[in-house]
PDB file of all heavy atoms in Angstrom:
ATOM      1  N   ASN A   1      73.901 119.644 245.641  1.00  0.00           N
ATOM      2  CA  ASN A   1      75.112 119.125 246.271  1.00  0.00           C
ATOM      3  C   ASN A   1      75.096 119.398 247.763  1.00  0.00           C
ATOM      4  O   ASN A   1      75.815 120.282 248.259  1.00  0.00           O
ATOM      5  CB  ASN A   1      76.360 119.723 245.620  1.00  0.00           C
ATOM      6  CG  ASN A   1      77.566 118.815 245.791  1.00  0.00           C
ATOM      7  OD1 ASN A   1      77.710 118.139 246.815  1.00  0.00           O
ATOM      8  ND2 ASN A   1      78.449 118.803 244.801  1.00  0.00           N
ATOM      9  N   PRO A   2      74.307 118.639 248.509  1.00  0.00           N
ATOM     10  CA  PRO A   2      74.219 118.875 249.961  1.00  0.00           C
ATOM     11  C   PRO A   2      75.532 118.625 250.685  1.00  0.00           C
ATOM     12  O   PRO A   2      75.805 119.277 251.706  1.00  0.00           O
ATOM     13  CB  PRO A   2      73.129 117.892 250.400  1.00  0.00           C
ATOM     14  CG  PRO A   2      73.066 116.840 249.326  1.00  0.00           C
ATOM     15  CD  PRO A   2      73.399 117.553 248.069  1.00  0.00           C
ATOM     16  N   ASP A   3      76.340 117.699 250.169  1.00  0.00           N
ATOM     17  CA  ASP A   3      77.609 117.408 250.821  1.00  0.00           C
ATOM     18  C   ASP A   3      78.537 118.621 250.803  1.00  0.00           C
ATOM     19  O   ASP A   3      79.233 118.896 251.788  1.00  0.00           O
ATOM     20  CB  ASP A   3      78.294 116.214 250.185  1.00  0.00           C
ATOM     21  CG  ASP A   3      77.574 114.900 250.466  1.00  0.00           C
ATOM     22  OD1 ASP A   3      76.787 114.855 251.447  1.00  0.00           O
ATOM     23  OD2 ASP A   3      77.798 113.922 249.724  1.00  0.00           O
ATOM     24  N   ASN A   4      78.569 119.324 249.668  1.00  0.00           N
ATOM     25  CA  ASN A   4      79.388 120.533 249.585  1.00  0.00           C
ATOM     26  C   ASN A   4      78.946 121.578 250.586  1.00  0.00           C
ATOM     27  O   ASN A   4      79.760 122.278 251.190  1.00  0.00           O
ATOM     28  CB  ASN A   4      79.338 121.115 248.165  1.00  0.00           C
ATOM     29  CG  ASN A   4      80.291 120.452 247.216  1.00  0.00           C
ATOM     30  OD1 ASN A   4      80.999 119.500 247.590  1.00  0.00           O
ATOM     31  ND2 ASN A   4      80.342 120.910 245.969  1.00  0.00           N
ATOM     32  N   PHE A   5      77.637 121.723 250.754  1.00  0.00           N
ATOM     33  CA  PHE A   5      77.097 122.686 251.706  1.00  0.00           C
ATOM     34  C   PHE A   5      77.540 122.341 253.127  1.00  0.00           C
ATOM     35  O   PHE A   5      78.013 123.200 253.875  1.00  0.00           O
ATOM     36  CB  PHE A   5      75.575 122.694 251.602  1.00  0.00           C
ATOM     37  CG  PHE A   5      74.895 123.686 252.490  1.00  0.00           C
ATOM     38  CD1 PHE A   5      75.011 125.047 252.281  1.00  0.00           C
ATOM     39  CD2 PHE A   5      74.126 123.267 253.577  1.00  0.00           C
ATOM     40  CE1 PHE A   5      74.379 125.973 253.096  1.00  0.00           C
ATOM     41  CE2 PHE A   5      73.480 124.165 254.401  1.00  0.00           C
ATOM     42  CZ  PHE A   5      73.611 125.527 254.154  1.00  0.00           C
ATOM     43  N   ASP A   6      77.402 121.065 253.500  1.00  0.00           N
ATOM     44  CA  ASP A   6      77.789 120.640 254.836  1.00  0.00           C
ATOM     45  C   ASP A   6      79.299 120.758 255.054  1.00  0.00           C
ATOM     46  O   ASP A   6      79.757 121.089 256.148  1.00  0.00           O
ATOM     47  CB  ASP A   6      77.332 119.216 255.087  1.00  0.00           C
ATOM     48  CG  ASP A   6      75.838 119.099 255.311  1.00  0.00           C
ATOM     49  OD1 ASP A   6      75.212 120.132 255.643  1.00  0.00           O
ATOM     50  OD2 ASP A   6      75.270 117.997 255.128  1.00  0.00           O
ATOM     51  N   THR A   7      80.068 120.492 253.999  1.00  0.00           N
ATOM     52  CA  THR A   7      81.515 120.651 254.100  1.00  0.00           C
ATOM     53  C   THR A   7      81.890 122.100 254.372  1.00  0.00           C
ATOM     54  O   THR A   7      82.773 122.383 255.175  1.00  0.00           O
ATOM     55  CB  THR A   7      82.196 120.148 252.811  1.00  0.00           C
ATOM     56  OG1 THR A   7      81.935 118.749 252.631  1.00  0.00           O
ATOM     57  CG2 THR A   7      83.707 120.355 252.889  1.00  0.00           C
ATOM     58  N   GLY A   8      81.198 123.021 253.691  1.00  0.00           N
ATOM     59  CA  GLY A   8      81.439 124.435 253.898  1.00  0.00           C
ATOM     60  C   GLY A   8      81.122 124.873 255.308  1.00  0.00           C
ATOM     61  O   GLY A   8      81.864 125.630 255.931  1.00  0.00           O
ATOM     62  N   LEU A   9      80.006 124.371 255.847  1.00  0.00           N
ATOM     63  CA  LEU A   9      79.646 124.679 257.224  1.00  0.00           C
ATOM     64  C   LEU A   9      80.672 124.091 258.189  1.00  0.00           C
ATOM     65  O   LEU A   9      81.029 124.732 259.198  1.00  0.00           O
ATOM     66  CB  LEU A   9      78.249 124.132 257.540  1.00  0.00           C
ATOM     67  CG  LEU A   9      77.077 124.795 256.824  1.00  0.00           C
ATOM     68  CD1 LEU A   9      75.769 124.120 257.230  1.00  0.00           C
ATOM     69  CD2 LEU A   9      76.994 126.291 257.121  1.00  0.00           C
ATOM     70  N   ALA A  10      81.133 122.895 257.899  1.00  0.00           N
ATOM     71  CA  ALA A  10      82.129 122.244 258.776  1.00  0.00           C
ATOM     72  C   ALA A  10      83.406 123.064 258.837  1.00  0.00           C
ATOM     73  O   ALA A  10      84.055 123.129 259.895  1.00  0.00           O
ATOM     74  CB  ALA A  10      82.426 120.829 258.280  1.00  0.00           C
ATOM     75  N   ARG A  11      83.785 123.682 257.732  1.00  0.00           N
ATOM     76  CA  ARG A  11      84.972 124.533 257.722  1.00  0.00           C
ATOM     77  C   ARG A  11      84.790 125.755 258.612  1.00  0.00           C
ATOM     78  O   ARG A  11      85.766 126.360 259.034  1.00  0.00           O
ATOM     79  CB  ARG A  11      85.319 124.944 256.301  1.00  0.00           C
ATOM     80  CG  ARG A  11      85.702 123.761 255.403  1.00  0.00           C
ATOM     81  CD  ARG A  11      85.947 124.205 253.975  1.00  0.00           C
ATOM     82  NE  ARG A  11      87.155 125.004 253.881  1.00  0.00           N
ATOM     83  CZ  ARG A  11      87.306 126.071 253.104  1.00  0.00           C
ATOM     84  NH1 ARG A  11      86.277 126.466 252.367  1.00  0.00           N
ATOM     85  NH2 ARG A  11      88.428 126.762 253.091  1.00  0.00           N
ATOM     86  N   ARG A  12      83.564 126.120 258.900  1.00  0.00           N
ATOM     87  CA  ARG A  12      83.242 127.192 259.838  1.00  0.00           C
ATOM     88  C   ARG A  12      83.006 126.637 261.245  1.00  0.00           C
ATOM     89  O   ARG A  12      82.515 127.359 262.112  1.00  0.00           O
ATOM     90  CB  ARG A  12      82.017 127.971 259.381  1.00  0.00           C
ATOM     91  CG  ARG A  12      82.304 129.027 258.295  1.00  0.00           C
ATOM     92  CD  ARG A  12      81.222 129.995 258.252  1.00  0.00           C
ATOM     93  NE  ARG A  12      81.312 131.068 257.311  1.00  0.00           N
ATOM     94  CZ  ARG A  12      81.517 132.358 257.651  1.00  0.00           C
ATOM     95  NH1 ARG A  12      81.692 132.680 258.924  1.00  0.00           N
ATOM     96  NH2 ARG A  12      81.539 133.278 256.715  1.00  0.00           N
ATOM     97  N   CYS A  13      83.287 125.367 261.432  1.00  0.00           N
ATOM     98  CA  CYS A  13      83.107 124.705 262.728  1.00  0.00           C
ATOM     99  C   CYS A  13      81.636 124.627 263.112  1.00  0.00           C
ATOM    100  O   CYS A  13      81.269 124.733 264.293  1.00  0.00           O
ATOM    101  CB  CYS A  13      83.908 125.413 263.836  1.00  0.00           C
ATOM    102  SG  CYS A  13      85.689 125.511 263.499  1.00  0.00           S
ATOM    103  N   LEU A  14      80.764 124.444 262.109  1.00  0.00           N
ATOM    104  CA  LEU A  14      79.327 124.320 262.318  1.00  0.00           C
ATOM    105  C   LEU A  14      78.880 122.920 261.938  1.00  0.00           C
ATOM    106  O   LEU A  14      79.461 122.283 261.058  1.00  0.00           O
ATOM    107  CB  LEU A  14      78.569 125.358 261.493  1.00  0.00           C
ATOM    108  CG  LEU A  14      78.801 126.826 261.864  1.00  0.00           C
ATOM    109  CD1 LEU A  14      78.120 127.743 260.862  1.00  0.00           C
ATOM    110  CD2 LEU A  14      78.280 127.109 263.275  1.00  0.00           C
ATOM    111  N   PRO A  15      77.807 122.426 262.574  1.00  0.00           N
ATOM    112  CA  PRO A  15      77.307 121.078 262.265  1.00  0.00           C
ATOM    113  C   PRO A  15      76.621 121.039 260.901  1.00  0.00           C
ATOM    114  O   PRO A  15      76.218 122.083 260.374  1.00  0.00           O
ATOM    115  CB  PRO A  15      76.301 120.814 263.386  1.00  0.00           C
ATOM    116  CG  PRO A  15      75.824 122.178 263.794  1.00  0.00           C
ATOM    117  CD  PRO A  15      77.022 123.078 263.637  1.00  0.00           C
ATOM    118  N   PRO A  16      76.468 119.856 260.309  1.00  0.00           N
ATOM    119  CA  PRO A  16      75.756 119.743 259.024  1.00  0.00           C
ATOM    120  C   PRO A  16      74.297 120.166 259.157  1.00  0.00           C
ATOM    121  O   PRO A  16      73.656 119.887 260.173  1.00  0.00           O
ATOM    122  CB  PRO A  16      75.897 118.251 258.666  1.00  0.00           C
ATOM    123  CG  PRO A  16      76.131 117.564 259.983  1.00  0.00           C
ATOM    124  CD  PRO A  16      76.913 118.531 260.819  1.00  0.00           C
ATOM    125  N   MET A  17      73.792 120.815 258.118  1.00  0.00           N
ATOM    126  CA  MET A  17      72.425 121.313 258.143  1.00  0.00           C
ATOM    127  C   MET A  17      71.629 120.931 256.913  1.00  0.00           C
ATOM    128  O   MET A  17      70.426 121.173 256.854  1.00  0.00           O
ATOM    129  CB  MET A  17      72.441 122.841 258.277  1.00  0.00           C
ATOM    130  CG  MET A  17      72.818 123.362 259.646  1.00  0.00           C
ATOM    131  SD  MET A  17      71.579 122.976 260.892  1.00  0.00           S
ATOM    132  CE  MET A  17      70.166 123.908 260.294  1.00  0.00           C
ATOM    133  N   SER A  18      72.262 120.322 255.919  1.00  0.00           N
ATOM    134  CA  SER A  18      71.575 120.085 254.658  1.00  0.00           C
ATOM    135  C   SER A  18      70.363 119.166 254.828  1.00  0.00           C
ATOM    136  O   SER A  18      69.317 119.397 254.213  1.00  0.00           O
ATOM    137  CB  SER A  18      72.535 119.487 253.619  1.00  0.00           C
ATOM    138  OG  SER A  18      72.980 118.200 253.999  1.00  0.00           O
ATOM    139  N   ALA A  19      70.477 118.134 255.681  1.00  0.00           N
ATOM    140  CA  ALA A  19      69.372 117.194 255.862  1.00  0.00           C
ATOM    141  C   ALA A  19      68.137 117.909 256.421  1.00  0.00           C
ATOM    142  O   ALA A  19      67.019 117.705 255.939  1.00  0.00           O
ATOM    143  CB  ALA A  19      69.795 116.049 256.774  1.00  0.00           C
ATOM    144  N   ASP A  20      68.352 118.772 257.437  1.00  0.00           N
ATOM    145  CA  ASP A  20      67.231 119.491 258.038  1.00  0.00           C
ATOM    146  C   ASP A  20      66.622 120.477 257.031  1.00  0.00           C
ATOM    147  O   ASP A  20      65.391 120.603 256.917  1.00  0.00           O
ATOM    148  CB  ASP A  20      67.683 120.248 259.273  1.00  0.00           C
ATOM    149  CG  ASP A  20      68.072 119.304 260.425  1.00  0.00           C
ATOM    150  OD1 ASP A  20      67.624 118.140 260.410  1.00  0.00           O
ATOM    151  OD2 ASP A  20      68.803 119.751 261.324  1.00  0.00           O
ATOM    152  N   VAL A  21      67.494 121.175 256.311  1.00  0.00           N
ATOM    153  CA  VAL A  21      67.008 122.155 255.324  1.00  0.00           C
ATOM    154  C   VAL A  21      66.217 121.458 254.226  1.00  0.00           C
ATOM    155  O   VAL A  21      65.138 121.889 253.851  1.00  0.00           O
ATOM    156  CB  VAL A  21      68.185 122.949 254.726  1.00  0.00           C
ATOM    157  CG1 VAL A  21      67.714 123.817 253.550  1.00  0.00           C
ATOM    158  CG2 VAL A  21      68.838 123.824 255.785  1.00  0.00           C
ATOM    159  N   LEU A  22      66.769 120.358 253.701  1.00  0.00           N
ATOM    160  CA  LEU A  22      66.133 119.669 252.595  1.00  0.00           C
ATOM    161  C   LEU A  22      64.833 118.951 253.019  1.00  0.00           C
ATOM    162  O   LEU A  22      63.913 118.826 252.219  1.00  0.00           O
ATOM    163  CB  LEU A  22      67.099 118.674 251.954  1.00  0.00           C
ATOM    164  CG  LEU A  22      68.286 119.312 251.246  1.00  0.00           C
ATOM    165  CD1 LEU A  22      69.211 118.241 250.683  1.00  0.00           C
ATOM    166  CD2 LEU A  22      67.806 120.234 250.116  1.00  0.00           C
ATOM    167  N   GLU A  23      64.768 118.523 254.265  1.00  0.00           N
ATOM    168  CA  GLU A  23      63.513 117.932 254.759  1.00  0.00           C
ATOM    169  C   GLU A  23      62.408 118.963 254.761  1.00  0.00           C
ATOM    170  O   GLU A  23      61.285 118.702 254.286  1.00  0.00           O
ATOM    171  CB  GLU A  23      63.711 117.377 256.165  1.00  0.00           C
ATOM    172  CG  GLU A  23      62.450 116.710 256.725  1.00  0.00           C
ATOM    173  CD  GLU A  23      62.644 116.196 258.138  1.00  0.00           C
ATOM    174  OE1 GLU A  23      63.757 116.366 258.697  1.00  0.00           O
ATOM    175  OE2 GLU A  23      61.685 115.602 258.704  1.00  0.00           O
ATOM    176  N   ALA A  24      62.698 120.140 255.274  1.00  0.00           N
ATOM    177  CA  ALA A  24      61.710 121.215 255.293  1.00  0.00           C
ATOM    178  C   ALA A  24      61.390 121.681 253.866  1.00  0.00           C
ATOM    179  O   ALA A  24      60.234 121.930 253.510  1.00  0.00           O
ATOM    180  CB  ALA A  24      62.197 122.385 256.135  1.00  0.00           C
ATOM    181  N   ASP A  25      62.419 121.773 253.049  1.00  0.00           N
ATOM    182  CA  ASP A  25      62.226 122.164 251.655  1.00  0.00           C
ATOM    183  C   ASP A  25      61.370 121.141 250.908  1.00  0.00           C
ATOM    184  O   ASP A  25      60.522 121.509 250.084  1.00  0.00           O
ATOM    185  CB  ASP A  25      63.569 122.335 250.958  1.00  0.00           C
ATOM    186  CG  ASP A  25      63.449 122.674 249.488  1.00  0.00           C
ATOM    187  OD1 ASP A  25      62.858 123.723 249.162  1.00  0.00           O
ATOM    188  OD2 ASP A  25      63.936 121.862 248.654  1.00  0.00           O
ATOM    189  N   GLY A  26      61.585 119.861 251.191  1.00  0.00           N
ATOM    190  CA  GLY A  26      60.777 118.820 250.554  1.00  0.00           C
ATOM    191  C   GLY A  26      59.312 118.926 250.924  1.00  0.00           C
ATOM    192  O   GLY A  26      58.433 118.746 250.069  1.00  0.00           O
ATOM    193  N   GLU A  27      59.060 119.231 252.187  1.00  0.00           N
ATOM    194  CA  GLU A  27      57.678 119.400 252.625  1.00  0.00           C
ATOM    195  C   GLU A  27      57.054 120.614 251.929  1.00  0.00           C
ATOM    196  O   GLU A  27      55.900 120.568 251.504  1.00  0.00           O
ATOM    197  CB  GLU A  27      57.613 119.571 254.143  1.00  0.00           C
ATOM    198  CG  GLU A  27      56.182 119.672 254.665  1.00  0.00           C
ATOM    199  CD  GLU A  27      56.107 119.756 256.184  1.00  0.00           C
ATOM    200  OE1 GLU A  27      57.160 119.683 256.848  1.00  0.00           O
ATOM    201  OE2 GLU A  27      54.987 119.919 256.702  1.00  0.00           O
ATOM    202  N   TYR A  28      57.827 121.682 251.797  1.00  0.00           N
ATOM    203  CA  TYR A  28      57.339 122.874 251.117  1.00  0.00           C
ATOM    204  C   TYR A  28      56.984 122.577 249.659  1.00  0.00           C
ATOM    205  O   TYR A  28      55.930 122.974 249.168  1.00  0.00           O
ATOM    206  CB  TYR A  28      58.382 123.988 251.189  1.00  0.00           C
ATOM    207  CG  TYR A  28      58.031 125.219 250.391  1.00  0.00           C
ATOM    208  CD1 TYR A  28      57.146 126.165 250.899  1.00  0.00           C
ATOM    209  CD2 TYR A  28      58.552 125.422 249.124  1.00  0.00           C
ATOM    210  CE1 TYR A  28      56.786 127.289 250.166  1.00  0.00           C
ATOM    211  CE2 TYR A  28      58.205 126.543 248.387  1.00  0.00           C
ATOM    212  CZ  TYR A  28      57.335 127.471 248.911  1.00  0.00           C
ATOM    213  OH  TYR A  28      56.983 128.589 248.175  1.00  0.00           O
ATOM    214  N   ARG A  29      57.843 121.859 248.993  1.00  0.00           N
ATOM    215  CA  ARG A  29      57.602 121.537 247.582  1.00  0.00           C
ATOM    216  C   ARG A  29      56.403 120.606 247.424  1.00  0.00           C
ATOM    217  O   ARG A  29      55.619 120.731 246.471  1.00  0.00           O
ATOM    218  CB  ARG A  29      58.853 120.915 246.977  1.00  0.00           C
ATOM    219  CG  ARG A  29      60.044 121.872 246.967  1.00  0.00           C
ATOM    220  CD  ARG A  29      61.321 121.181 246.597  1.00  0.00           C
ATOM    221  NE  ARG A  29      61.404 120.902 245.174  1.00  0.00           N
ATOM    222  CZ  ARG A  29      62.360 120.182 244.595  1.00  0.00           C
ATOM    223  NH1 ARG A  29      63.281 119.606 245.328  1.00  0.00           N
ATOM    224  NH2 ARG A  29      62.366 120.006 243.296  1.00  0.00           N
ATOM    225  N   SER A  30      56.249 119.673 248.369  1.00  0.00           N
ATOM    226  CA  SER A  30      55.133 118.753 248.319  1.00  0.00           C
ATOM    227  C   SER A  30      53.809 119.505 248.519  1.00  0.00           C
ATOM    228  O   SER A  30      52.833 119.267 247.803  1.00  0.00           O
ATOM    229  CB  SER A  30      55.292 117.685 249.405  1.00  0.00           C
ATOM    230  OG  SER A  30      54.178 116.828 249.453  1.00  0.00           O
ATOM    231  N   ILE A  31      53.806 120.412 249.485  1.00  0.00           N
ATOM    232  CA  ILE A  31      52.606 121.219 249.728  1.00  0.00           C
ATOM    233  C   ILE A  31      52.289 122.087 248.509  1.00  0.00           C
ATOM    234  O   ILE A  31      51.133 122.225 248.108  1.00  0.00           O
ATOM    235  CB  ILE A  31      52.802 122.094 250.973  1.00  0.00           C
ATOM    236  CG1 ILE A  31      52.806 121.212 252.241  1.00  0.00           C
ATOM    237  CG2 ILE A  31      51.689 123.139 251.079  1.00  0.00           C
ATOM    238  CD1 ILE A  31      53.206 121.945 253.491  1.00  0.00           C
ATOM    239  N   THR A  32      53.333 122.658 247.904  1.00  0.00           N
ATOM    240  CA  THR A  32      53.144 123.503 246.724  1.00  0.00           C
ATOM    241  C   THR A  32      52.524 122.704 245.572  1.00  0.00           C
ATOM    242  O   THR A  32      51.617 123.184 244.890  1.00  0.00           O
ATOM    243  CB  THR A  32      54.490 124.115 246.286  1.00  0.00           C
ATOM    244  OG1 THR A  32      55.021 124.911 247.350  1.00  0.00           O
ATOM    245  CG2 THR A  32      54.305 124.977 245.045  1.00  0.00           C
ATOM    246  N   THR A  33      53.007 121.464 245.388  1.00  0.00           N
ATOM    247  CA  THR A  33      52.443 120.599 244.346  1.00  0.00           C
ATOM    248  C   THR A  33      50.972 120.291 244.612  1.00  0.00           C
ATOM    249  O   THR A  33      50.124 120.390 243.721  1.00  0.00           O
ATOM    250  CB  THR A  33      53.244 119.294 244.251  1.00  0.00           C
ATOM    251  OG1 THR A  33      54.594 119.585 243.908  1.00  0.00           O
ATOM    252  CG2 THR A  33      52.646 118.373 243.186  1.00  0.00           C
ATOM    253  N   GLU A  34      50.665 119.909 245.862  1.00  0.00           N
ATOM    254  CA  GLU A  34      49.282 119.616 246.195  1.00  0.00           C
ATOM    255  C   GLU A  34      48.399 120.842 246.049  1.00  0.00           C
ATOM    256  O   GLU A  34      47.261 120.746 245.583  1.00  0.00           O
ATOM    257  CB  GLU A  34      49.182 119.073 247.632  1.00  0.00           C
ATOM    258  CG  GLU A  34      47.748 118.668 248.003  1.00  0.00           C
ATOM    259  CD  GLU A  34      47.608 118.164 249.420  1.00  0.00           C
ATOM    260  OE1 GLU A  34      48.632 118.017 250.112  1.00  0.00           O
ATOM    261  OE2 GLU A  34      46.452 117.922 249.846  1.00  0.00           O
ATOM    262  N   LEU A  35      48.890 121.989 246.439  1.00  0.00           N
ATOM    263  CA  LEU A  35      48.123 123.218 246.321  1.00  0.00           C
ATOM    264  C   LEU A  35      47.784 123.507 244.864  1.00  0.00           C
ATOM    265  O   LEU A  35      46.664 123.908 244.531  1.00  0.00           O
ATOM    266  CB  LEU A  35      48.901 124.396 246.918  1.00  0.00           C
ATOM    267  CG  LEU A  35      48.204 125.754 246.982  1.00  0.00           C
ATOM    268  CD1 LEU A  35      46.896 125.673 247.772  1.00  0.00           C
ATOM    269  CD2 LEU A  35      49.133 126.801 247.600  1.00  0.00           C
ATOM    270  N   GLN A  36      48.735 123.277 243.971  1.00  0.00           N
ATOM    271  CA  GLN A  36      48.484 123.481 242.548  1.00  0.00           C
ATOM    272  C   GLN A  36      47.423 122.496 242.032  1.00  0.00           C
ATOM    273  O   GLN A  36      46.559 122.879 241.251  1.00  0.00           O
ATOM    274  CB  GLN A  36      49.782 123.311 241.776  1.00  0.00           C
ATOM    275  CG  GLN A  36      50.802 124.420 242.027  1.00  0.00           C
ATOM    276  CD  GLN A  36      52.163 124.139 241.455  1.00  0.00           C
ATOM    277  OE1 GLN A  36      52.477 122.983 241.089  1.00  0.00           O
ATOM    278  NE2 GLN A  36      53.000 125.172 241.366  1.00  0.00           N
ATOM    279  N   GLU A  37      47.537 121.248 242.506  1.00  0.00           N
ATOM    280  CA  GLU A  37      46.566 120.234 242.080  1.00  0.00           C
ATOM    281  C   GLU A  37      45.157 120.573 242.564  1.00  0.00           C
ATOM    282  O   GLU A  37      44.169 120.434 241.827  1.00  0.00           O
ATOM    283  CB  GLU A  37      46.992 118.860 242.603  1.00  0.00           C
ATOM    284  CG  GLU A  37      48.267 118.328 241.949  1.00  0.00           C
ATOM    285  CD  GLU A  37      48.762 117.075 242.625  1.00  0.00           C
ATOM    286  OE1 GLU A  37      48.258 116.732 243.722  1.00  0.00           O
ATOM    287  OE2 GLU A  37      49.683 116.419 242.071  1.00  0.00           O
ATOM    288  N   VAL A  38      45.053 121.020 243.825  1.00  0.00           N
ATOM    289  CA  VAL A  38      43.756 121.379 244.394  1.00  0.00           C
ATOM    290  C   VAL A  38      43.189 122.587 243.663  1.00  0.00           C
ATOM    291  O   VAL A  38      41.989 122.650 243.369  1.00  0.00           O
ATOM    292  CB  VAL A  38      43.879 121.642 245.912  1.00  0.00           C
ATOM    293  CG1 VAL A  38      42.571 122.207 246.462  1.00  0.00           C
ATOM    294  CG2 VAL A  38      44.252 120.372 246.653  1.00  0.00           C
ATOM    295  N   GLN A  39      44.053 123.543 243.350  1.00  0.00           N
ATOM    296  CA  GLN A  39      43.611 124.733 242.617  1.00  0.00           C
ATOM    297  C   GLN A  39      43.070 124.360 241.243  1.00  0.00           C
ATOM    298  O   GLN A  39      42.026 124.866 240.806  1.00  0.00           O
ATOM    299  CB  GLN A  39      44.781 125.709 242.456  1.00  0.00           C
ATOM    300  CG  GLN A  39      44.465 126.970 241.654  1.00  0.00           C
ATOM    301  CD  GLN A  39      43.549 127.910 242.375  1.00  0.00           C
ATOM    302  OE1 GLN A  39      43.890 128.389 243.457  1.00  0.00           O
ATOM    303  NE2 GLN A  39      42.392 128.191 241.826  1.00  0.00           N
ATOM    304  N   THR A  40      43.774 123.440 240.577  1.00  0.00           N
ATOM    305  CA  THR A  40      43.316 122.975 239.253  1.00  0.00           C
ATOM    306  C   THR A  40      41.959 122.272 239.361  1.00  0.00           C
ATOM    307  O   THR A  40      41.052 122.517 238.549  1.00  0.00           O
ATOM    308  CB  THR A  40      44.350 122.038 238.631  1.00  0.00           C
ATOM    309  OG1 THR A  40      45.594 122.733 238.471  1.00  0.00           O
ATOM    310  CG2 THR A  40      43.873 121.525 237.284  1.00  0.00           C
ATOM    311  N   ARG A  41      41.832 121.384 240.371  1.00  0.00           N
ATOM    312  CA  ARG A  41      40.574 120.680 240.577  1.00  0.00           C
ATOM    313  C   ARG A  41      39.432 121.630 240.888  1.00  0.00           C
ATOM    314  O   ARG A  41      38.323 121.481 240.364  1.00  0.00           O
ATOM    315  CB  ARG A  41      40.748 119.678 241.712  1.00  0.00           C
ATOM    316  CG  ARG A  41      39.456 118.933 242.111  1.00  0.00           C
ATOM    317  CD  ARG A  41      38.859 118.199 240.947  1.00  0.00           C
ATOM    318  NE  ARG A  41      37.571 117.577 241.337  1.00  0.00           N
ATOM    319  CZ  ARG A  41      36.648 117.245 240.486  1.00  0.00           C
ATOM    320  NH1 ARG A  41      36.816 117.477 239.176  1.00  0.00           N
ATOM    321  NH2 ARG A  41      35.512 116.666 240.898  1.00  0.00           N
ATOM    322  N   ARG A  42      39.698 122.636 241.693  1.00  0.00           N
ATOM    323  CA  ARG A  42      38.673 123.614 242.036  1.00  0.00           C
ATOM    324  C   ARG A  42      38.238 124.395 240.804  1.00  0.00           C
ATOM    325  O   ARG A  42      37.039 124.637 240.592  1.00  0.00           O
ATOM    326  CB  ARG A  42      39.190 124.565 243.109  1.00  0.00           C
ATOM    327  CG  ARG A  42      38.154 125.591 243.555  1.00  0.00           C
ATOM    328  CD  ARG A  42      38.784 126.685 244.389  1.00  0.00           C
ATOM    329  NE  ARG A  42      37.842 127.730 244.703  1.00  0.00           N
ATOM    330  CZ  ARG A  42      38.152 128.926 245.173  1.00  0.00           C
ATOM    331  NH1 ARG A  42      39.411 129.234 245.334  1.00  0.00           N
ATOM    332  NH2 ARG A  42      37.201 129.813 245.438  1.00  0.00           N
ATOM    333  N   ASN A  43      39.197 124.803 239.984  1.00  0.00           N
ATOM    334  CA  ASN A  43      38.864 125.564 238.772  1.00  0.00           C
ATOM    335  C   ASN A  43      38.011 124.722 237.822  1.00  0.00           C
ATOM    336  O   ASN A  43      37.031 125.215 237.246  1.00  0.00           O
ATOM    337  CB  ASN A  43      40.142 126.023 238.080  1.00  0.00           C
ATOM    338  CG  ASN A  43      40.879 127.099 238.866  1.00  0.00           C
ATOM    339  OD1 ASN A  43      40.321 127.725 239.747  1.00  0.00           O
ATOM    340  ND2 ASN A  43      42.172 127.288 238.541  1.00  0.00           N
TER     341      ASN A  43
END
């Protein structure tokens, strides 16, 4: 629920951050998946 997160930050007078966080998180998850695949192929 990224909207809830951004709403909470807005109540603290802070800008939305979910998009930036999830973009980096998506890259991390993608790398993790590829790393697992490469590890399997190497084994």
